[in-house]
Amino acid sequence: MSNLRPRLCVLEKGPSGYGFHLHGEKGKTGQFIRLVEPDSPAAAAGLLAGDRLGFVNGDSVEGESHQQVVARIRATDGPLEVIVVDADTAELLKKHNLLCRKEFVTEGIPVPGDGESDRGDAQSNGTPRESSPVPGQNGEVSLRRLSVSSKEGKAEMRPRLCHVKKGANGYGFNLHSEKTKPGQYIRAVDEDSPAQRAGLRPQDKIVQVNSVSVHGMQHSDVVAAIKAGGDETSLLVVDPETDDFFKSCRVMPTEDHLTGRLPEPMSRKESEDEQEEEEVNAKAAVEMKKVSVSSSASSSSSNASLPTRTPEVDKAVEPGPEAGGSGPAAGMSLAEAKERARQKRAAKKAPQMDWSKRNELFSNL
């Protein structure tokens, strides 16, 4: 039996939070403690920089994303219980192809052999645990500030597909809409409900119901779509951070983003260029509409002023073959309309004064 084992740490949240920073490391799975603040609840509970999270409040977080682990911690009501392993213990588990288990905290890690290799593992680098090297700052989150500033967050910013099977008391979640932003959101998830077991969390935004997009739907329409699934429903959802990420990419999340390639956020210049292009297109459309209305009004006016026309007049006003019978406005392309809009803006600028003619101008006044 090895002397190395996981550790159970119980944290009482203080006025400034728990006092530790959680992050994911590039090239490694799992979530790690990057920093423990002095004189904090985390320090008092025995958390150390470099520790890897194994369990949160009795539930394994192996394989969960950074956002999922943070959400578990935030949802804690009462003391926060985490089971962690330091670098040496994690290496021992990996060496013997073992997963971290809760009973290892009290019973130790069962490994084959006489334990010599275990002692060697524990003392291989001669570095005390307190001076464990601090991992690089990749994907850091401060639980004190409850903010995410992930540099590799794009790898984690994925929607989640939750399959919910109705129980005796329904699905176990409340749906609501907010006045300040469009969309339908999970307001609350009942404890030990089908929704909680499926992975739904408060503040999740519903993107699809049974593979059908709910973008632009009213609250009652989304509720009807969920009920139409019978005793089971499939919900594609995004948490607030993931929602913000896809908005920055100008992309609507779909089931393809569960495992496929993620989009790239638009740069500030690209966003400004796209906005400028939209404004030009809008102005061009307005200009084309004005030209069309003006042409129609002119035609109506001409027809009204000539109630009766002689054959000679008909022949005089008959359009030539090059006109095509549609008028110049109808055949105008979008590029021509854009150019006309730009020329109109330029024409509004005041002309430069010809000061050589000032005497003439003043005398005319």
Protein backbone atom coordinates (compact mmCIF):
# COMPACT_ATOMS: atom_id res chain seq x y z
CA MET A 1 0.00 0.00 0.00
CA SER A 2 1.41 3.36 -1.01
CA ASN A 3 1.81 6.29 1.35
CA LEU A 4 0.66 8.55 -1.46
CA ARG A 5 -3.08 9.13 -1.54
CA PRO A 6 -5.70 11.70 -2.59
CA ARG A 7 -6.66 14.38 -0.07
CA LEU A 8 -10.10 15.56 1.00
CA CYS A 9 -10.29 19.34 1.51
CA VAL A 10 -13.35 21.04 2.97
CA LEU A 11 -13.66 24.78 2.27
CA GLU A 12 -15.97 27.31 3.92
CA LYS A 13 -16.56 30.22 1.56
CA GLY A 14 -15.23 33.50 2.95
CA PRO A 15 -16.13 37.15 2.21
CA SER A 16 -13.74 37.13 -0.77
CA GLY A 17 -14.60 33.65 -2.03
CA TYR A 18 -12.66 30.42 -1.61
CA GLY A 19 -9.28 31.91 -2.40
CA PHE A 20 -7.94 29.66 -5.15
CA HIS A 21 -7.53 29.85 -8.91
CA LEU A 22 -8.54 26.99 -11.19
CA HIS A 23 -7.25 26.42 -14.71
CA GLY A 24 -6.81 23.87 -17.47
CA GLU A 25 -3.39 23.04 -18.87
CA LYS A 26 -2.64 22.73 -22.56
CA GLY A 27 -1.88 19.15 -23.51
CA LYS A 28 -3.26 17.75 -20.23
CA THR A 29 -6.71 16.59 -19.19
CA GLY A 30 -8.26 17.71 -15.94
CA GLN A 31 -8.48 20.90 -13.92
CA PHE A 32 -5.62 22.12 -11.71
CA ILE A 33 -5.12 24.52 -8.81
CA ARG A 34 -2.90 27.25 -10.19
CA LEU A 35 -2.68 29.47 -7.13
CA VAL A 36 -3.77 29.38 -3.49
CA GLU A 37 -4.07 32.78 -1.85
CA PRO A 38 -2.48 33.20 1.61
CA ASP A 39 -4.79 33.18 4.66
CA SER A 40 -7.71 32.04 2.51
CA PRO A 41 -10.24 29.22 3.11
CA ALA A 42 -8.42 27.21 0.43
CA ALA A 43 -5.09 27.56 2.23
CA ALA A 44 -6.69 26.63 5.57
CA ALA A 45 -8.25 23.52 4.00
CA GLY A 46 -4.86 22.32 2.68
CA LEU A 47 -5.18 22.99 -1.05
CA LEU A 48 -1.81 23.34 -2.80
CA ALA A 49 -0.73 24.86 -6.08
CA GLY A 50 -0.43 22.11 -8.70
CA ASP A 51 -3.14 19.90 -7.16
CA ARG A 52 -5.49 18.26 -9.64
CA LEU A 53 -9.23 18.05 -8.92
CA GLY A 54 -10.72 14.58 -8.78
CA PHE A 55 -14.09 15.07 -7.07
CA VAL A 56 -16.31 18.07 -6.27
CA ASN A 57 -18.95 17.51 -3.58
CA GLY A 58 -18.72 13.75 -4.02
CA ASP A 59 -19.04 13.75 -7.82
CA SER A 60 -16.18 12.84 -10.13
CA VAL A 61 -15.08 15.66 -12.46
CA GLU A 62 -12.78 13.49 -14.57
CA GLY A 63 -13.42 14.34 -18.19
CA GLU A 64 -15.55 17.41 -17.44
CA SER A 65 -14.80 20.71 -19.13
CA HIS A 66 -13.43 23.75 -17.37
CA GLN A 67 -16.83 25.48 -17.42
CA GLN A 68 -18.60 22.40 -16.03
CA VAL A 69 -16.24 22.18 -13.05
CA VAL A 70 -16.56 25.91 -12.35
CA ALA A 71 -20.36 25.61 -12.51
CA ARG A 72 -20.30 22.75 -9.97
CA ILE A 73 -18.23 24.83 -7.57
CA ARG A 74 -20.42 27.89 -8.00
CA ALA A 75 -23.58 25.86 -7.35
CA THR A 76 -22.29 24.67 -3.96
CA ASP A 77 -24.69 25.31 -1.07
CA GLY A 78 -22.71 25.06 2.16
CA PRO A 79 -19.14 23.78 2.58
CA LEU A 80 -17.28 22.89 -0.61
CA GLU A 81 -15.74 19.40 -0.54
CA VAL A 82 -13.04 18.61 -3.07
CA ILE A 83 -10.80 15.58 -3.44
CA VAL A 84 -7.45 16.43 -5.01
CA VAL A 85 -4.21 14.68 -5.91
CA ASP A 86 -0.76 16.24 -6.04
CA ALA A 87 1.65 15.66 -8.91
CA ASP A 88 3.33 12.62 -7.32
CA THR A 89 0.02 10.92 -6.53
CA ALA A 90 -1.29 11.64 -10.02
CA GLU A 91 1.85 10.09 -11.51
CA LEU A 92 1.42 6.99 -9.33
CA LEU A 93 -2.20 6.56 -10.43
CA LYS A 94 -1.17 6.97 -14.05
CA LYS A 95 1.70 4.50 -13.70
CA HIS A 96 -0.66 1.77 -12.49
CA ASN A 97 -3.51 2.79 -14.80
CA LEU A 98 -5.82 3.65 -11.90
CA LEU A 99 -8.56 6.25 -11.63
CA CYS A 100 -8.87 8.40 -8.53
CA ARG A 101 -11.45 6.91 -6.15
CA LYS A 102 -13.00 8.35 -3.00
CA GLU A 103 -12.00 5.37 -0.88
CA PHE A 104 -8.33 5.98 -1.69
CA VAL A 105 -8.49 9.01 0.66
CA THR A 106 -8.83 6.75 3.72
CA GLU A 107 -7.66 3.34 2.46
CA GLY A 108 -4.69 4.44 0.35
CA ILE A 109 -3.85 3.43 -3.20
CA PRO A 110 -3.52 -0.35 -3.72
CA VAL A 111 -0.48 -1.01 -5.90
CA PRO A 112 1.39 -4.24 -6.69
CA GLY A 113 4.90 -4.91 -5.35
CA ASP A 114 6.61 -4.30 -2.02
CA GLY A 115 6.27 -0.53 -2.11
CA GLU A 116 9.92 0.27 -2.97
CA SER A 117 8.89 1.85 -6.22
CA ASP A 118 6.27 3.87 -4.38
CA ARG A 119 8.83 5.39 -2.05
CA GLY A 120 10.99 6.13 -5.06
CA ASP A 121 8.05 7.83 -6.75
CA ALA A 122 7.39 9.92 -3.68
CA GLN A 123 10.99 11.10 -3.40
CA SER A 124 12.14 11.00 -7.02
CA ASN A 125 12.76 14.70 -7.37
CA GLY A 126 13.43 15.57 -3.73
CA THR A 127 11.09 18.55 -3.96
CA PRO A 128 8.71 19.22 -1.07
CA ARG A 129 5.06 19.34 -2.02
CA GLU A 130 4.77 22.90 -0.77
CA SER A 131 7.22 24.04 -3.46
CA SER A 132 5.46 22.33 -6.34
CA PRO A 133 6.09 24.23 -9.55
CA VAL A 134 3.25 26.54 -10.54
CA PRO A 135 1.75 25.54 -13.90
CA GLY A 136 1.62 28.03 -16.74
CA GLN A 137 -1.28 30.46 -16.92
CA ASN A 138 -3.38 28.75 -19.57
CA GLY A 139 -7.12 29.15 -19.11
CA GLU A 140 -7.05 30.70 -15.64
CA VAL A 141 -10.22 31.32 -13.64
CA SER A 142 -10.33 33.11 -10.31
CA LEU A 143 -13.06 31.75 -8.05
CA ARG A 144 -12.66 34.82 -5.88
CA ARG A 145 -13.73 37.07 -8.73
CA LEU A 146 -15.88 34.42 -10.39
CA SER A 147 -14.63 35.47 -13.81
CA VAL A 148 -13.18 33.44 -16.66
CA SER A 149 -10.23 34.76 -18.67
CA SER A 150 -9.31 31.65 -20.60
CA LYS A 151 -6.55 31.82 -23.22
CA GLU A 152 -7.40 28.35 -24.48
CA GLY A 153 -11.09 28.74 -23.74
CA LYS A 154 -11.95 28.18 -27.42
CA ALA A 155 -11.20 24.49 -26.94
CA GLU A 156 -13.80 24.35 -24.16
CA MET A 157 -16.44 26.71 -25.56
CA ARG A 158 -18.79 24.06 -26.93
CA PRO A 159 -22.55 23.63 -26.68
CA ARG A 160 -23.89 20.69 -24.67
CA LEU A 161 -26.53 18.19 -25.78
CA CYS A 162 -28.75 17.12 -22.86
CA HIS A 163 -31.16 14.19 -23.22
CA VAL A 164 -33.88 14.52 -20.57
CA LYS A 165 -36.39 11.78 -19.78
CA LYS A 166 -39.50 12.93 -17.92
CA GLY A 167 -39.87 11.65 -14.36
CA ALA A 168 -42.83 11.41 -11.99
CA ASN A 169 -42.66 15.17 -11.34
CA GLY A 170 -41.79 16.22 -14.88
CA TYR A 171 -38.41 17.18 -16.27
CA GLY A 172 -37.35 19.16 -13.19
CA PHE A 173 -36.36 22.54 -14.64
CA ASN A 174 -37.91 25.99 -15.07
CA LEU A 175 -37.75 27.88 -18.35
CA HIS A 176 -37.94 31.66 -18.61
CA SER A 177 -37.14 34.58 -20.88
CA GLU A 178 -35.41 37.85 -20.00
CA LYS A 179 -36.51 41.33 -21.06
CA THR A 180 -32.96 42.58 -21.59
CA LYS A 181 -31.84 39.84 -24.00
CA PRO A 182 -33.51 37.51 -26.50
CA GLY A 183 -33.71 33.75 -26.05
CA GLN A 184 -35.02 31.18 -23.58
CA TYR A 185 -33.03 30.33 -20.46
CA ILE A 186 -32.97 27.71 -17.71
CA ARG A 187 -33.93 29.58 -14.54
CA ALA A 188 -33.69 26.73 -12.03
CA VAL A 189 -32.93 22.99 -11.97
CA ASP A 190 -34.52 20.81 -9.28
CA GLU A 191 -32.23 18.77 -7.07
CA ASP A 192 -31.87 15.12 -8.11
CA SER A 193 -34.18 15.65 -11.10
CA PRO A 194 -33.96 14.24 -14.65
CA ALA A 195 -32.77 17.68 -15.80
CA GLN A 196 -29.92 17.75 -13.29
CA ARG A 197 -28.83 14.21 -14.18
CA ALA A 198 -28.88 15.18 -17.87
CA GLY A 199 -26.48 18.05 -17.19
CA LEU A 200 -28.77 21.08 -17.44
CA ARG A 201 -27.67 24.05 -15.33
CA PRO A 202 -29.19 27.40 -14.35
CA GLN A 203 -28.50 30.22 -16.85
CA ASP A 204 -28.10 27.77 -19.75
CA LYS A 205 -29.55 29.16 -22.97
CA ILE A 206 -31.58 26.78 -25.15
CA VAL A 207 -30.37 26.72 -28.76
CA GLN A 208 -32.23 23.70 -30.16
CA VAL A 209 -35.11 21.49 -29.07
CA ASN A 210 -35.07 18.01 -30.61
CA SER A 211 -32.58 19.19 -33.26
CA VAL A 212 -34.77 22.15 -34.28
CA SER A 213 -33.46 25.69 -33.76
CA VAL A 214 -35.53 27.88 -31.43
CA HIS A 215 -33.90 31.13 -32.57
CA GLY A 216 -36.56 33.83 -32.69
CA MET A 217 -39.26 31.64 -31.10
CA GLN A 218 -41.54 32.96 -28.39
CA HIS A 219 -41.59 31.43 -24.90
CA SER A 220 -44.85 29.58 -25.54
CA ASP A 221 -43.49 28.12 -28.80
CA VAL A 222 -40.40 26.71 -27.07
CA VAL A 223 -42.53 25.20 -24.29
CA ALA A 224 -44.78 23.62 -26.92
CA ALA A 225 -41.76 22.19 -28.75
CA ILE A 226 -40.48 20.59 -25.52
CA LYS A 227 -43.89 19.12 -24.72
CA ALA A 228 -44.20 17.79 -28.27
CA GLY A 229 -41.32 15.42 -27.54
CA GLY A 230 -43.50 13.36 -25.22
CA ASP A 231 -41.68 11.77 -22.29
CA GLU A 232 -38.22 12.57 -23.67
CA THR A 233 -36.64 15.69 -25.07
CA SER A 234 -33.22 16.61 -26.42
CA LEU A 235 -31.93 20.12 -25.64
CA LEU A 236 -28.86 21.76 -27.15
CA VAL A 237 -27.74 24.43 -24.68
CA VAL A 238 -24.88 26.86 -24.09
CA ASP A 239 -23.69 28.42 -20.84
CA PRO A 240 -23.20 32.22 -20.68
CA GLU A 241 -19.46 32.06 -21.52
CA THR A 242 -20.06 29.81 -24.53
CA ASP A 243 -22.93 32.01 -25.69
CA ASP A 244 -20.64 35.07 -25.59
CA PHE A 245 -17.94 33.17 -27.50
CA PHE A 246 -20.25 32.22 -30.38
CA LYS A 247 -21.64 35.76 -30.48
CA SER A 248 -18.09 37.08 -30.90
CA CYS A 249 -17.71 34.68 -33.85
CA ARG A 250 -21.05 35.78 -35.37
CA VAL A 251 -22.00 32.08 -35.56
CA MET A 252 -25.07 30.22 -34.31
CA PRO A 253 -24.04 27.09 -32.33
CA THR A 254 -25.30 23.76 -33.69
CA GLU A 255 -24.84 20.07 -32.96
CA ASP A 256 -21.88 20.12 -35.36
CA HIS A 257 -19.98 22.14 -32.76
CA LEU A 258 -20.27 19.38 -30.14
CA THR A 259 -17.18 17.69 -31.57
CA GLY A 260 -16.34 19.49 -34.81
CA ARG A 261 -14.08 22.45 -35.49
CA LEU A 262 -14.93 25.61 -33.58
CA PRO A 263 -15.22 29.00 -35.32
CA GLU A 264 -12.73 31.81 -34.83
CA PRO A 265 -13.77 35.06 -33.14
CA MET A 266 -13.93 38.04 -35.48
CA SER A 267 -11.25 40.66 -35.05
CA ARG A 268 -12.27 44.22 -34.23
CA LYS A 269 -11.37 45.40 -37.73
CA GLU A 270 -13.37 42.60 -39.36
CA SER A 271 -16.35 43.48 -37.19
CA GLU A 272 -16.09 47.17 -38.09
CA ASP A 273 -15.70 46.35 -41.81
CA GLU A 274 -18.76 44.11 -41.71
CA GLN A 275 -20.78 46.81 -39.95
CA GLU A 276 -19.67 49.42 -42.50
CA GLU A 277 -20.60 47.09 -45.36
CA GLU A 278 -24.05 46.56 -43.84
CA GLU A 279 -24.54 50.33 -43.56
CA VAL A 280 -23.50 50.86 -47.20
CA ASN A 281 -25.86 48.10 -48.34
CA ALA A 282 -28.71 49.61 -46.33
CA LYS A 283 -28.09 53.07 -47.80
CA ALA A 284 -27.87 51.59 -51.31
CA ALA A 285 -31.18 49.80 -50.81
CA VAL A 286 -32.82 53.02 -49.63
CA GLU A 287 -31.35 54.88 -52.61
CA MET A 288 -32.68 52.28 -55.05
CA LYS A 289 -36.09 52.52 -53.42
CA LYS A 290 -36.06 56.33 -53.73
CA VAL A 291 -35.08 56.11 -57.41
CA SER A 292 -37.84 53.58 -58.06
CA VAL A 293 -40.47 55.67 -56.25
CA SER A 294 -39.30 58.84 -58.01
CA SER A 295 -39.50 57.11 -61.40
CA SER A 296 -43.00 55.82 -60.64
CA ALA A 297 -44.16 59.25 -59.44
CA SER A 298 -42.72 60.94 -62.54
CA SER A 299 -44.47 58.45 -64.80
CA SER A 300 -47.78 58.97 -63.00
CA SER A 301 -47.40 62.73 -63.23
CA SER A 302 -46.69 62.55 -66.96
CA ASN A 303 -49.67 60.32 -67.56
CA ALA A 304 -51.91 62.61 -65.52
CA SER A 305 -50.86 65.70 -67.45
CA LEU A 306 -51.52 63.99 -70.79
CA PRO A 307 -55.00 62.50 -70.53
CA THR A 308 -55.34 62.21 -74.27
CA ARG A 309 -52.42 61.60 -76.57
CA THR A 310 -52.28 61.89 -80.30
CA PRO A 311 -50.42 59.31 -82.40
CA GLU A 312 -47.69 61.90 -82.95
CA VAL A 313 -47.17 62.29 -79.21
CA ASP A 314 -47.16 58.51 -78.72
CA LYS A 315 -44.47 58.21 -81.32
CA ALA A 316 -42.43 61.01 -79.77
CA VAL A 317 -42.42 59.51 -76.26
CA GLU A 318 -42.04 55.87 -77.33
CA PRO A 319 -38.92 54.42 -75.64
CA GLY A 320 -36.01 53.41 -77.79
CA PRO A 321 -34.74 49.86 -78.00
CA GLU A 322 -31.82 50.68 -75.70
CA ALA A 323 -34.16 51.67 -72.86
CA GLY A 324 -35.55 48.19 -72.60
CA GLY A 325 -38.95 49.47 -71.49
CA SER A 326 -38.01 49.24 -67.79
CA GLY A 327 -36.39 52.62 -67.16
CA PRO A 328 -32.83 53.25 -65.97
CA ALA A 329 -33.66 52.70 -62.29
CA ALA A 330 -34.97 49.17 -62.75
CA GLY A 331 -31.77 48.01 -64.49
CA MET A 332 -29.44 49.56 -61.92
CA SER A 333 -27.08 47.07 -60.28
CA LEU A 334 -26.24 47.04 -56.56
CA ALA A 335 -22.71 48.29 -57.32
CA GLU A 336 -24.12 51.21 -59.33
CA ALA A 337 -26.52 52.04 -56.52
CA LYS A 338 -23.65 52.03 -54.00
CA GLU A 339 -21.60 54.34 -56.22
CA ARG A 340 -24.55 56.66 -56.65
CA ALA A 341 -25.04 56.79 -52.86
CA ARG A 342 -21.35 57.69 -52.38
CA GLN A 343 -21.54 60.39 -55.06
CA LYS A 344 -24.62 61.84 -53.40
CA ARG A 345 -22.81 62.07 -50.06
CA ALA A 346 -19.83 63.76 -51.75
CA ALA A 347 -22.13 66.24 -53.50
CA LYS A 348 -23.44 67.43 -50.13
CA LYS A 349 -20.03 68.89 -49.23
CA ALA A 350 -19.78 72.69 -49.62
CA PRO A 351 -17.72 73.76 -52.69
CA GLN A 352 -14.50 75.67 -52.16
CA MET A 353 -14.78 79.48 -52.35
CA ASP A 354 -13.27 81.16 -55.40
CA TRP A 355 -11.89 84.26 -53.66
CA SER A 356 -11.00 85.91 -56.99
CA LYS A 357 -14.74 86.51 -57.50
CA ARG A 358 -15.50 87.81 -54.01
CA ASN A 359 -16.21 91.36 -55.28
CA GLU A 360 -18.70 90.02 -57.77
CA LEU A 361 -20.39 87.94 -55.10
CA PHE A 362 -20.60 90.77 -52.65
CA SER A 363 -21.99 93.14 -55.24
CA ASN A 364 -24.64 90.61 -56.17
CA LEU A 365 -25.65 90.50 -52.53
